[in-house]
Amino acid sequence: MVYDCKVYDRNGNLKKVVRGGKNFTGAAKSFLKQKSTKRALSYIKKMRDPKVVIKNKVRFYDKECIVCKMIFHPRARQAKYCSYECQHKFYKEKKIREKIRLINAGGKS
């Protein structure tokens, strides 16, 4: 036998009336149909909370920027630069070094 269930808010005002088990899932219906409170309590005790997964593993640590030697926390594991400016500066210097090598190599032959 299923009874009407009244739902109240914090202030004691009636929010809604749930009638006849229409809004319940199959598990809740089987719980409400039980004849004794002992069975209901044993059913509640058997219910378990979902397992909480705690992640203590640190994926990557602070790194040192290869340009300015400042310590930073990277957003990605393979990050080498603390900022876009350092990355731009590194590649700009690299291009200049390559040009100098080409000029020096051409001048010797």
PDB file of N, CA and C in Angstrom:
ATOM      1  N   MET A   1       0.843  -1.175   0.000  1.00  0.00           N
ATOM      2  CA  MET A   1       0.000   0.000   0.000  1.00  0.00           C
ATOM      3  C   MET A   1       0.891   1.242   0.000  1.00  0.00           C
ATOM      4  N   VAL A   2       0.666   2.131  -0.943  1.00  0.00           N
ATOM      5  CA  VAL A   2       1.486   3.329  -1.096  1.00  0.00           C
ATOM      6  C   VAL A   2       0.658   4.540  -0.665  1.00  0.00           C
ATOM      7  N   TYR A   3       1.285   5.386   0.167  1.00  0.00           N
ATOM      8  CA  TYR A   3       0.610   6.582   0.666  1.00  0.00           C
ATOM      9  C   TYR A   3       1.109   7.811  -0.079  1.00  0.00           C
ATOM     10  N   ASP A   4       0.329   8.872  -0.002  1.00  0.00           N
ATOM     11  CA  ASP A   4       0.770  10.147  -0.569  1.00  0.00           C
ATOM     12  C   ASP A   4       1.890  10.706   0.299  1.00  0.00           C
ATOM     13  N   CYS A   5       2.855  11.308  -0.347  1.00  0.00           N
ATOM     14  CA  CYS A   5       4.008  11.866   0.363  1.00  0.00           C
ATOM     15  C   CYS A   5       4.022  13.365   0.163  1.00  0.00           C
ATOM     16  N   LYS A   6       4.084  14.116   1.264  1.00  0.00           N
ATOM     17  CA  LYS A   6       4.106  15.581   1.190  1.00  0.00           C
ATOM     18  C   LYS A   6       5.545  16.067   1.349  1.00  0.00           C
ATOM     19  N   VAL A   7       5.946  16.995   0.487  1.00  0.00           N
ATOM     20  CA  VAL A   7       7.301  17.526   0.503  1.00  0.00           C
ATOM     21  C   VAL A   7       7.229  18.983   0.947  1.00  0.00           C
ATOM     22  N   TYR A   8       8.007  19.307   2.002  1.00  0.00           N
ATOM     23  CA  TYR A   8       8.032  20.655   2.565  1.00  0.00           C
ATOM     24  C   TYR A   8       9.396  21.293   2.334  1.00  0.00           C
ATOM     25  N   ASP A   9       9.451  22.632   2.305  1.00  0.00           N
ATOM     26  CA  ASP A   9      10.726  23.329   2.220  1.00  0.00           C
ATOM     27  C   ASP A   9      11.238  23.634   3.621  1.00  0.00           C
ATOM     28  N   ARG A  10      12.331  24.400   3.737  1.00  0.00           N
ATOM     29  CA  ARG A  10      12.952  24.690   5.036  1.00  0.00           C
ATOM     30  C   ARG A  10      12.024  25.465   5.967  1.00  0.00           C
ATOM     31  N   ASN A  11      11.195  26.317   5.399  1.00  0.00           N
ATOM     32  CA  ASN A  11      10.320  27.158   6.215  1.00  0.00           C
ATOM     33  C   ASN A  11       9.041  26.441   6.645  1.00  0.00           C
ATOM     34  N   GLY A  12       8.871  25.212   6.202  1.00  0.00           N
ATOM     35  CA  GLY A  12       7.690  24.459   6.573  1.00  0.00           C
ATOM     36  C   GLY A  12       6.525  24.634   5.622  1.00  0.00           C
ATOM     37  N   ASN A  13       6.763  25.273   4.481  1.00  0.00           N
ATOM     38  CA  ASN A  13       5.702  25.445   3.494  1.00  0.00           C
ATOM     39  C   ASN A  13       5.616  24.210   2.609  1.00  0.00           C
ATOM     40  N   LEU A  14       4.402  23.801   2.280  1.00  0.00           N
ATOM     41  CA  LEU A  14       4.195  22.640   1.434  1.00  0.00           C
ATOM     42  C   LEU A  14       4.626  22.959   0.009  1.00  0.00           C
ATOM     43  N   LYS A  15       5.586  22.165  -0.525  1.00  0.00           N
ATOM     44  CA  LYS A  15       6.081  22.384  -1.882  1.00  0.00           C
ATOM     45  C   LYS A  15       5.281  21.578  -2.902  1.00  0.00           C
ATOM     46  N   LYS A  16       5.104  20.266  -2.628  1.00  0.00           N
ATOM     47  CA  LYS A  16       4.342  19.419  -3.544  1.00  0.00           C
ATOM     48  C   LYS A  16       3.901  18.148  -2.834  1.00  0.00           C
ATOM     49  N   VAL A  17       2.957  17.468  -3.436  1.00  0.00           N
ATOM     50  CA  VAL A  17       2.462  16.194  -2.919  1.00  0.00           C
ATOM     51  C   VAL A  17       2.733  15.137  -3.983  1.00  0.00           C
ATOM     52  N   VAL A  18       3.505  14.116  -3.605  1.00  0.00           N
ATOM     53  CA  VAL A  18       3.822  13.025  -4.516  1.00  0.00           C
ATOM     54  C   VAL A  18       2.776  11.936  -4.301  1.00  0.00           C
ATOM     55  N   ARG A  19       2.066  11.584  -5.357  1.00  0.00           N
ATOM     56  CA  ARG A  19       0.959  10.641  -5.230  1.00  0.00           C
ATOM     57  C   ARG A  19       1.281   9.302  -5.883  1.00  0.00           C
ATOM     58  N   GLY A  20       0.971   8.244  -5.194  1.00  0.00           N
ATOM     59  CA  GLY A  20       0.904   6.897  -5.733  1.00  0.00           C
ATOM     60  C   GLY A  20       2.115   6.308  -6.417  1.00  0.00           C
ATOM     61  N   GLY A  21       3.285   6.751  -6.200  1.00  0.00           N
ATOM     62  CA  GLY A  21       4.477   6.115  -6.756  1.00  0.00           C
ATOM     63  C   GLY A  21       4.680   6.356  -8.240  1.00  0.00           C
ATOM     64  N   LYS A  22       4.079   7.359  -8.819  1.00  0.00           N
ATOM     65  CA  LYS A  22       4.249   7.632 -10.246  1.00  0.00           C
ATOM     66  C   LYS A  22       5.650   8.161 -10.555  1.00  0.00           C
ATOM     67  N   ASN A  23       6.224   8.911  -9.620  1.00  0.00           N
ATOM     68  CA  ASN A  23       7.510   9.564  -9.861  1.00  0.00           C
ATOM     69  C   ASN A  23       8.703   8.760  -9.349  1.00  0.00           C
ATOM     70  N   PHE A  24       8.507   7.516  -8.931  1.00  0.00           N
ATOM     71  CA  PHE A  24       9.589   6.737  -8.342  1.00  0.00           C
ATOM     72  C   PHE A  24      10.195   5.774  -9.350  1.00  0.00           C
ATOM     73  N   THR A  25      11.461   5.453  -9.151  1.00  0.00           N
ATOM     74  CA  THR A  25      12.124   4.449  -9.981  1.00  0.00           C
ATOM     75  C   THR A  25      11.752   3.064  -9.464  1.00  0.00           C
ATOM     76  N   GLY A  26      12.192   2.036 -10.154  1.00  0.00           N
ATOM     77  CA  GLY A  26      11.882   0.659  -9.745  1.00  0.00           C
ATOM     78  C   GLY A  26      12.448   0.320  -8.381  1.00  0.00           C
ATOM     79  N   ALA A  27      13.662   0.774  -8.073  1.00  0.00           N
ATOM     80  CA  ALA A  27      14.283   0.496  -6.772  1.00  0.00           C
ATOM     81  C   ALA A  27      13.503   1.165  -5.652  1.00  0.00           C
ATOM     82  N   ALA A  28      13.066   2.395  -5.883  1.00  0.00           N
ATOM     83  CA  ALA A  28      12.309   3.110  -4.856  1.00  0.00           C
ATOM     84  C   ALA A  28      10.941   2.460  -4.650  1.00  0.00           C
ATOM     85  N   LYS A  29      10.325   1.959  -5.720  1.00  0.00           N
ATOM     86  CA  LYS A  29       9.023   1.298  -5.589  1.00  0.00           C
ATOM     87  C   LYS A  29       9.142   0.028  -4.767  1.00  0.00           C
ATOM     88  N   SER A  30      10.198  -0.766  -5.023  1.00  0.00           N
ATOM     89  CA  SER A  30      10.385  -1.995  -4.245  1.00  0.00           C
ATOM     90  C   SER A  30      10.660  -1.665  -2.778  1.00  0.00           C
ATOM     91  N   PHE A  31      11.358  -0.559  -2.529  1.00  0.00           N
ATOM     92  CA  PHE A  31      11.635  -0.138  -1.156  1.00  0.00           C
ATOM     93  C   PHE A  31      10.343   0.266  -0.443  1.00  0.00           C
ATOM     94  N   LEU A  32       9.469   0.987  -1.124  1.00  0.00           N
ATOM     95  CA  LEU A  32       8.228   1.443  -0.502  1.00  0.00           C
ATOM     96  C   LEU A  32       7.222   0.309  -0.304  1.00  0.00           C
ATOM     97  N   LYS A  33       7.315  -0.760  -1.074  1.00  0.00           N
ATOM     98  CA  LYS A  33       6.365  -1.857  -0.953  1.00  0.00           C
ATOM     99  C   LYS A  33       6.704  -2.831   0.178  1.00  0.00           C
ATOM    100  N   GLN A  34       7.850  -2.691   0.808  1.00  0.00           N
ATOM    101  CA  GLN A  34       8.242  -3.619   1.871  1.00  0.00           C
ATOM    102  C   GLN A  34       7.317  -3.490   3.064  1.00  0.00           C
ATOM    103  N   LYS A  35       7.031  -4.657   3.701  1.00  0.00           N
ATOM    104  CA  LYS A  35       6.017  -4.699   4.754  1.00  0.00           C
ATOM    105  C   LYS A  35       6.563  -4.309   6.126  1.00  0.00           C
ATOM    106  N   SER A  36       7.829  -4.507   6.386  1.00  0.00           N
ATOM    107  CA  SER A  36       8.328  -4.226   7.732  1.00  0.00           C
ATOM    108  C   SER A  36       9.463  -3.201   7.707  1.00  0.00           C
ATOM    109  N   THR A  37       9.628  -2.513   8.831  1.00  0.00           N
ATOM    110  CA  THR A  37      10.698  -1.526   8.930  1.00  0.00           C
ATOM    111  C   THR A  37      12.057  -2.205   9.053  1.00  0.00           C
ATOM    112  N   LYS A  38      12.112  -3.434   9.580  1.00  0.00           N
ATOM    113  CA  LYS A  38      13.391  -4.138   9.676  1.00  0.00           C
ATOM    114  C   LYS A  38      13.965  -4.379   8.277  1.00  0.00           C
ATOM    115  N   ARG A  39      13.104  -4.805   7.365  1.00  0.00           N
ATOM    116  CA  ARG A  39      13.568  -5.031   6.001  1.00  0.00           C
ATOM    117  C   ARG A  39      14.013  -3.715   5.360  1.00  0.00           C
ATOM    118  N   ALA A  40      13.261  -2.669   5.632  1.00  0.00           N
ATOM    119  CA  ALA A  40      13.612  -1.363   5.074  1.00  0.00           C
ATOM    120  C   ALA A  40      14.962  -0.892   5.611  1.00  0.00           C
ATOM    121  N   LEU A  41      15.181  -1.049   6.916  1.00  0.00           N
ATOM    122  CA  LEU A  41      16.454  -0.641   7.508  1.00  0.00           C
ATOM    123  C   LEU A  41      17.611  -1.479   6.980  1.00  0.00           C
ATOM    124  N   SER A  42      17.382  -2.792   6.807  1.00  0.00           N
ATOM    125  CA  SER A  42      18.450  -3.635   6.271  1.00  0.00           C
ATOM    126  C   SER A  42      18.765  -3.231   4.831  1.00  0.00           C
ATOM    127  N   TYR A  43      17.739  -2.828   4.091  1.00  0.00           N
ATOM    128  CA  TYR A  43      17.931  -2.365   2.710  1.00  0.00           C
ATOM    129  C   TYR A  43      18.770  -1.082   2.690  1.00  0.00           C
ATOM    130  N   ILE A  44      18.487  -0.175   3.628  1.00  0.00           N
ATOM    131  CA  ILE A  44      19.229   1.082   3.709  1.00  0.00           C
ATOM    132  C   ILE A  44      20.679   0.820   4.106  1.00  0.00           C
ATOM    133  N   LYS A  45      20.911  -0.112   5.047  1.00  0.00           N
ATOM    134  CA  LYS A  45      22.273  -0.413   5.494  1.00  0.00           C
ATOM    135  C   LYS A  45      23.107  -1.043   4.387  1.00  0.00           C
ATOM    136  N   LYS A  46      22.471  -1.792   3.500  1.00  0.00           N
ATOM    137  CA  LYS A  46      23.190  -2.437   2.398  1.00  0.00           C
ATOM    138  C   LYS A  46      23.609  -1.447   1.324  1.00  0.00           C
ATOM    139  N   MET A  47      22.934  -0.307   1.251  1.00  0.00           N
ATOM    140  CA  MET A  47      23.264   0.691   0.238  1.00  0.00           C
ATOM    141  C   MET A  47      24.628   1.293   0.549  1.00  0.00           C
ATOM    142  N   ARG A  48      25.430   1.463  -0.463  1.00  0.00           N
ATOM    143  CA  ARG A  48      26.788   1.980  -0.286  1.00  0.00           C
ATOM    144  C   ARG A  48      26.945   3.298  -1.042  1.00  0.00           C
ATOM    145  N   ASP A  49      27.793   4.173  -0.511  1.00  0.00           N
ATOM    146  CA  ASP A  49      28.127   5.407  -1.206  1.00  0.00           C
ATOM    147  C   ASP A  49      29.075   5.083  -2.354  1.00  0.00           C
ATOM    148  N   PRO A  50      29.066   5.869  -3.401  1.00  0.00           N
ATOM    149  CA  PRO A  50      30.011   5.620  -4.492  1.00  0.00           C
ATOM    150  C   PRO A  50      31.440   5.801  -4.012  1.00  0.00           C
ATOM    151  N   LYS A  51      32.331   5.006  -4.573  1.00  0.00           N
ATOM    152  CA  LYS A  51      33.729   5.035  -4.165  1.00  0.00           C
ATOM    153  C   LYS A  51      34.375   6.350  -4.585  1.00  0.00           C
ATOM    154  N   VAL A  52      35.043   7.009  -3.647  1.00  0.00           N
ATOM    155  CA  VAL A  52      35.709   8.274  -3.917  1.00  0.00           C
ATOM    156  C   VAL A  52      37.139   7.975  -4.337  1.00  0.00           C
ATOM    157  N   VAL A  53      37.500   8.429  -5.521  1.00  0.00           N
ATOM    158  CA  VAL A  53      38.840   8.204  -6.041  1.00  0.00           C
ATOM    159  C   VAL A  53      39.682   9.437  -5.739  1.00  0.00           C
ATOM    160  N   ILE A  54      40.760   9.229  -4.994  1.00  0.00           N
ATOM    161  CA  ILE A  54      41.650  10.325  -4.632  1.00  0.00           C
ATOM    162  C   ILE A  54      42.888  10.228  -5.511  1.00  0.00           C
ATOM    163  N   LYS A  55      43.172  11.291  -6.234  1.00  0.00           N
ATOM    164  CA  LYS A  55      44.333  11.298  -7.111  1.00  0.00           C
ATOM    165  C   LYS A  55      45.440  12.107  -6.449  1.00  0.00           C
ATOM    166  N   ASN A  56      46.450  11.404  -5.949  1.00  0.00           N
ATOM    167  CA  ASN A  56      47.592  12.069  -5.328  1.00  0.00           C
ATOM    168  C   ASN A  56      48.752  12.206  -6.300  1.00  0.00           C
ATOM    169  N   LYS A  57      48.634  11.601  -7.470  1.00  0.00           N
ATOM    170  CA  LYS A  57      49.742  11.610  -8.413  1.00  0.00           C
ATOM    171  C   LYS A  57      49.862  12.980  -9.073  1.00  0.00           C
ATOM    172  N   VAL A  58      51.064  13.516  -9.059  1.00  0.00           N
ATOM    173  CA  VAL A  58      51.336  14.775  -9.735  1.00  0.00           C
ATOM    174  C   VAL A  58      51.789  14.425 -11.143  1.00  0.00           C
ATOM    175  N   ARG A  59      51.140  14.963 -12.129  1.00  0.00           N
ATOM    176  CA  ARG A  59      51.453  14.595 -13.502  1.00  0.00           C
ATOM    177  C   ARG A  59      52.785  15.196 -13.964  1.00  0.00           C
ATOM    178  N   PHE A  60      53.034  16.440 -13.629  1.00  0.00           N
ATOM    179  CA  PHE A  60      54.312  17.036 -13.982  1.00  0.00           C
ATOM    180  C   PHE A  60      54.625  18.154 -13.000  1.00  0.00           C
ATOM    181  N   TYR A  61      55.914  18.419 -12.834  1.00  0.00           N
ATOM    182  CA  TYR A  61      56.393  19.346 -11.824  1.00  0.00           C
ATOM    183  C   TYR A  61      56.809  20.665 -12.455  1.00  0.00           C
ATOM    184  N   ASP A  62      57.221  21.597 -11.597  1.00  0.00           N
ATOM    185  CA  ASP A  62      57.709  22.884 -12.079  1.00  0.00           C
ATOM    186  C   ASP A  62      58.961  22.677 -12.929  1.00  0.00           C
ATOM    187  N   LYS A  63      59.088  23.499 -13.972  1.00  0.00           N
ATOM    188  CA  LYS A  63      60.238  23.409 -14.869  1.00  0.00           C
ATOM    189  C   LYS A  63      60.942  24.753 -14.942  1.00  0.00           C
ATOM    190  N   GLU A  64      62.129  24.723 -15.538  1.00  0.00           N
ATOM    191  CA  GLU A  64      62.899  25.944 -15.732  1.00  0.00           C
ATOM    192  C   GLU A  64      62.839  26.319 -17.208  1.00  0.00           C
ATOM    193  N   CYS A  65      62.500  27.559 -17.481  1.00  0.00           N
ATOM    194  CA  CYS A  65      62.424  28.055 -18.853  1.00  0.00           C
ATOM    195  C   CYS A  65      63.822  28.016 -19.470  1.00  0.00           C
ATOM    196  N   ILE A  66      63.932  27.522 -20.709  1.00  0.00           N
ATOM    197  CA  ILE A  66      65.255  27.390 -21.334  1.00  0.00           C
ATOM    198  C   ILE A  66      65.809  28.722 -21.833  1.00  0.00           C
ATOM    199  N   VAL A  67      64.975  29.759 -21.853  1.00  0.00           N
ATOM    200  CA  VAL A  67      65.423  31.070 -22.327  1.00  0.00           C
ATOM    201  C   VAL A  67      65.800  31.979 -21.160  1.00  0.00           C
ATOM    202  N   CYS A  68      64.841  32.215 -20.248  1.00  0.00           N
ATOM    203  CA  CYS A  68      65.079  33.187 -19.171  1.00  0.00           C
ATOM    204  C   CYS A  68      65.458  32.525 -17.840  1.00  0.00           C
ATOM    205  N   LYS A  69      65.486  31.200 -17.796  1.00  0.00           N
ATOM    206  CA  LYS A  69      65.881  30.426 -16.608  1.00  0.00           C
ATOM    207  C   LYS A  69      64.960  30.646 -15.402  1.00  0.00           C
ATOM    208  N   MET A  70      63.721  31.097 -15.667  1.00  0.00           N
ATOM    209  CA  MET A  70      62.751  31.302 -14.599  1.00  0.00           C
ATOM    210  C   MET A  70      61.992  29.996 -14.359  1.00  0.00           C
ATOM    211  N   ILE A  71      61.650  29.701 -13.111  1.00  0.00           N
ATOM    212  CA  ILE A  71      60.894  28.484 -12.797  1.00  0.00           C
ATOM    213  C   ILE A  71      59.409  28.774 -13.003  1.00  0.00           C
ATOM    214  N   PHE A  72      58.719  27.859 -13.723  1.00  0.00           N
ATOM    215  CA  PHE A  72      57.292  28.029 -13.996  1.00  0.00           C
ATOM    216  C   PHE A  72      56.593  26.678 -13.909  1.00  0.00           C
ATOM    217  N   HIS A  73      55.266  26.718 -13.749  1.00  0.00           N
ATOM    218  CA  HIS A  73      54.460  25.490 -13.736  1.00  0.00           C
ATOM    219  C   HIS A  73      53.837  25.314 -15.121  1.00  0.00           C
ATOM    220  N   PRO A  74      54.252  24.286 -15.860  1.00  0.00           N
ATOM    221  CA  PRO A  74      53.782  24.135 -17.241  1.00  0.00           C
ATOM    222  C   PRO A  74      52.328  23.695 -17.327  1.00  0.00           C
ATOM    223  N   ARG A  75      51.672  24.104 -18.397  1.00  0.00           N
ATOM    224  CA  ARG A  75      50.299  23.659 -18.660  1.00  0.00           C
ATOM    225  C   ARG A  75      50.294  22.296 -19.326  1.00  0.00           C
ATOM    226  N   ALA A  76      51.341  22.001 -20.067  1.00  0.00           N
ATOM    227  CA  ALA A  76      51.481  20.709 -20.725  1.00  0.00           C
ATOM    228  C   ALA A  76      52.826  20.107 -20.325  1.00  0.00           C
ATOM    229  N   ARG A  77      52.928  18.798 -20.382  1.00  0.00           N
ATOM    230  CA  ARG A  77      54.120  18.102 -19.917  1.00  0.00           C
ATOM    231  C   ARG A  77      55.357  18.483 -20.725  1.00  0.00           C
ATOM    232  N   GLN A  78      55.218  18.705 -22.016  1.00  0.00           N
ATOM    233  CA  GLN A  78      56.369  18.961 -22.875  1.00  0.00           C
ATOM    234  C   GLN A  78      56.735  20.437 -22.991  1.00  0.00           C
ATOM    235  N   ALA A  79      56.113  21.317 -22.206  1.00  0.00           N
ATOM    236  CA  ALA A  79      56.380  22.755 -22.292  1.00  0.00           C
ATOM    237  C   ALA A  79      57.820  23.073 -21.894  1.00  0.00           C
ATOM    238  N   LYS A  80      58.451  23.966 -22.677  1.00  0.00           N
ATOM    239  CA  LYS A  80      59.837  24.362 -22.406  1.00  0.00           C
ATOM    240  C   LYS A  80      59.960  25.830 -22.026  1.00  0.00           C
ATOM    241  N   TYR A  81      58.925  26.612 -22.372  1.00  0.00           N
ATOM    242  CA  TYR A  81      59.009  28.067 -22.214  1.00  0.00           C
ATOM    243  C   TYR A  81      57.964  28.544 -21.214  1.00  0.00           C
ATOM    244  N   CYS A  82      58.303  29.585 -20.466  1.00  0.00           N
ATOM    245  CA  CYS A  82      57.365  30.118 -19.468  1.00  0.00           C
ATOM    246  C   CYS A  82      56.299  30.996 -20.119  1.00  0.00           C
ATOM    247  N   SER A  83      56.578  31.563 -21.286  1.00  0.00           N
ATOM    248  CA  SER A  83      55.619  32.450 -21.946  1.00  0.00           C
ATOM    249  C   SER A  83      55.833  32.432 -23.460  1.00  0.00           C
ATOM    250  N   TYR A  84      54.887  33.044 -24.141  1.00  0.00           N
ATOM    251  CA  TYR A  84      54.981  33.148 -25.598  1.00  0.00           C
ATOM    252  C   TYR A  84      56.178  34.002 -25.992  1.00  0.00           C
ATOM    253  N   GLU A  85      56.466  35.024 -25.200  1.00  0.00           N
ATOM    254  CA  GLU A  85      57.581  35.918 -25.497  1.00  0.00           C
ATOM    255  C   GLU A  85      58.909  35.160 -25.493  1.00  0.00           C
ATOM    256  N   CYS A  86      59.082  34.272 -24.502  1.00  0.00           N
ATOM    257  CA  CYS A  86      60.322  33.483 -24.438  1.00  0.00           C
ATOM    258  C   CYS A  86      60.420  32.540 -25.632  1.00  0.00           C
ATOM    259  N   GLN A  87      59.312  31.940 -26.004  1.00  0.00           N
ATOM    260  CA  GLN A  87      59.302  31.037 -27.155  1.00  0.00           C
ATOM    261  C   GLN A  87      59.666  31.804 -28.433  1.00  0.00           C
ATOM    262  N   HIS A  88      59.071  32.969 -28.597  1.00  0.00           N
ATOM    263  CA  HIS A  88      59.330  33.802 -29.781  1.00  0.00           C
ATOM    264  C   HIS A  88      60.803  34.240 -29.815  1.00  0.00           C
ATOM    265  N   LYS A  89      61.310  34.624 -28.657  1.00  0.00           N
ATOM    266  CA  LYS A  89      62.702  35.060 -28.555  1.00  0.00           C
ATOM    267  C   LYS A  89      63.659  33.920 -28.924  1.00  0.00           C
ATOM    268  N   PHE A  90      63.355  32.704 -28.441  1.00  0.00           N
ATOM    269  CA  PHE A  90      64.203  31.543 -28.716  1.00  0.00           C
ATOM    270  C   PHE A  90      64.256  31.248 -30.214  1.00  0.00           C
ATOM    271  N   TYR A  91      63.098  31.214 -30.875  1.00  0.00           N
ATOM    272  CA  TYR A  91      63.073  30.892 -32.293  1.00  0.00           C
ATOM    273  C   TYR A  91      63.661  32.011 -33.153  1.00  0.00           C
ATOM    274  N   LYS A  92      63.525  33.254 -32.692  1.00  0.00           N
ATOM    275  CA  LYS A  92      64.120  34.375 -33.410  1.00  0.00           C
ATOM    276  C   LYS A  92      65.647  34.267 -33.370  1.00  0.00           C
ATOM    277  N   GLU A  93      66.201  33.951 -32.188  1.00  0.00           N
ATOM    278  CA  GLU A  93      67.648  33.774 -32.050  1.00  0.00           C
ATOM    279  C   GLU A  93      68.128  32.575 -32.859  1.00  0.00           C
ATOM    280  N   LYS A  94      67.318  31.527 -32.908  1.00  0.00           N
ATOM    281  CA  LYS A  94      67.669  30.324 -33.660  1.00  0.00           C
ATOM    282  C   LYS A  94      67.778  30.639 -35.155  1.00  0.00           C
ATOM    283  N   LYS A  95      66.843  31.431 -35.676  1.00  0.00           N
ATOM    284  CA  LYS A  95      66.880  31.823 -37.092  1.00  0.00           C
ATOM    285  C   LYS A  95      68.132  32.636 -37.395  1.00  0.00           C
ATOM    286  N   ILE A  96      68.469  33.546 -36.487  1.00  0.00           N
ATOM    287  CA  ILE A  96      69.665  34.380 -36.681  1.00  0.00           C
ATOM    288  C   ILE A  96      70.917  33.511 -36.683  1.00  0.00           C
ATOM    289  N   ARG A  97      71.006  32.536 -35.775  1.00  0.00           N
ATOM    290  CA  ARG A  97      72.156  31.621 -35.717  1.00  0.00           C
ATOM    291  C   ARG A  97      72.288  30.821 -37.014  1.00  0.00           C
ATOM    292  N   GLU A  98      71.149  30.358 -37.567  1.00  0.00           N
ATOM    293  CA  GLU A  98      71.180  29.599 -38.818  1.00  0.00           C
ATOM    294  C   GLU A  98      71.680  30.472 -39.976  1.00  0.00           C
ATOM    295  N   LYS A  99      71.239  31.725 -40.013  1.00  0.00           N
ATOM    296  CA  LYS A  99      71.698  32.634 -41.075  1.00  0.00           C
ATOM    297  C   LYS A  99      73.190  32.871 -40.977  1.00  0.00           C
ATOM    298  N   ILE A 100      73.683  33.035 -39.737  1.00  0.00           N
ATOM    299  CA  ILE A 100      75.124  33.263 -39.536  1.00  0.00           C
ATOM    300  C   ILE A 100      75.907  32.041 -39.981  1.00  0.00           C
ATOM    301  N   ARG A 101      75.403  30.830 -39.663  1.00  0.00           N
ATOM    302  CA  ARG A 101      76.080  29.603 -40.091  1.00  0.00           C
ATOM    303  C   ARG A 101      76.127  29.518 -41.610  1.00  0.00           C
ATOM    304  N   LEU A 102      75.027  29.857 -42.278  1.00  0.00           N
ATOM    305  CA  LEU A 102      75.014  29.798 -43.746  1.00  0.00           C
ATOM    306  C   LEU A 102      76.003  30.795 -44.356  1.00  0.00           C
ATOM    307  N   ILE A 103      76.071  31.970 -43.769  1.00  0.00           N
ATOM    308  CA  ILE A 103      76.993  32.994 -44.271  1.00  0.00           C
ATOM    309  C   ILE A 103      78.442  32.536 -44.059  1.00  0.00           C
ATOM    310  N   ASN A 104      78.730  32.016 -42.850  1.00  0.00           N
ATOM    311  CA  ASN A 104      80.086  31.554 -42.543  1.00  0.00           C
ATOM    312  C   ASN A 104      80.471  30.361 -43.421  1.00  0.00           C
ATOM    313  N   ALA A 105      79.547  29.465 -43.641  1.00  0.00           N
ATOM    314  CA  ALA A 105      79.842  28.282 -44.464  1.00  0.00           C
ATOM    315  C   ALA A 105      80.080  28.691 -45.923  1.00  0.00           C
ATOM    316  N   GLY A 106      79.323  29.647 -46.409  1.00  0.00           N
ATOM    317  CA  GLY A 106      79.466  30.122 -47.799  1.00  0.00           C
ATOM    318  C   GLY A 106      80.756  30.897 -47.996  1.00  0.00           C
ATOM    319  N   GLY A 107      81.191  31.618 -47.006  1.00  0.00           N
ATOM    320  CA  GLY A 107      82.391  32.451 -47.117  1.00  0.00           C
ATOM    321  C   GLY A 107      83.657  31.632 -47.120  1.00  0.00           C
ATOM    322  N   LYS A 108      83.665  30.461 -46.475  1.00  0.00           N
ATOM    323  CA  LYS A 108      84.871  29.638 -46.385  1.00  0.00           C
ATOM    324  C   LYS A 108      85.142  28.900 -47.683  1.00  0.00           C
ATOM    325  N   SER A 109      84.117  28.562 -48.454  1.00  0.00           N
ATOM    326  CA  SER A 109      84.362  27.752 -49.646  1.00  0.00           C
ATOM    327  C   SER A 109      84.813  28.520 -50.828  1.00  0.00           C
TER     328      SER A 109
END
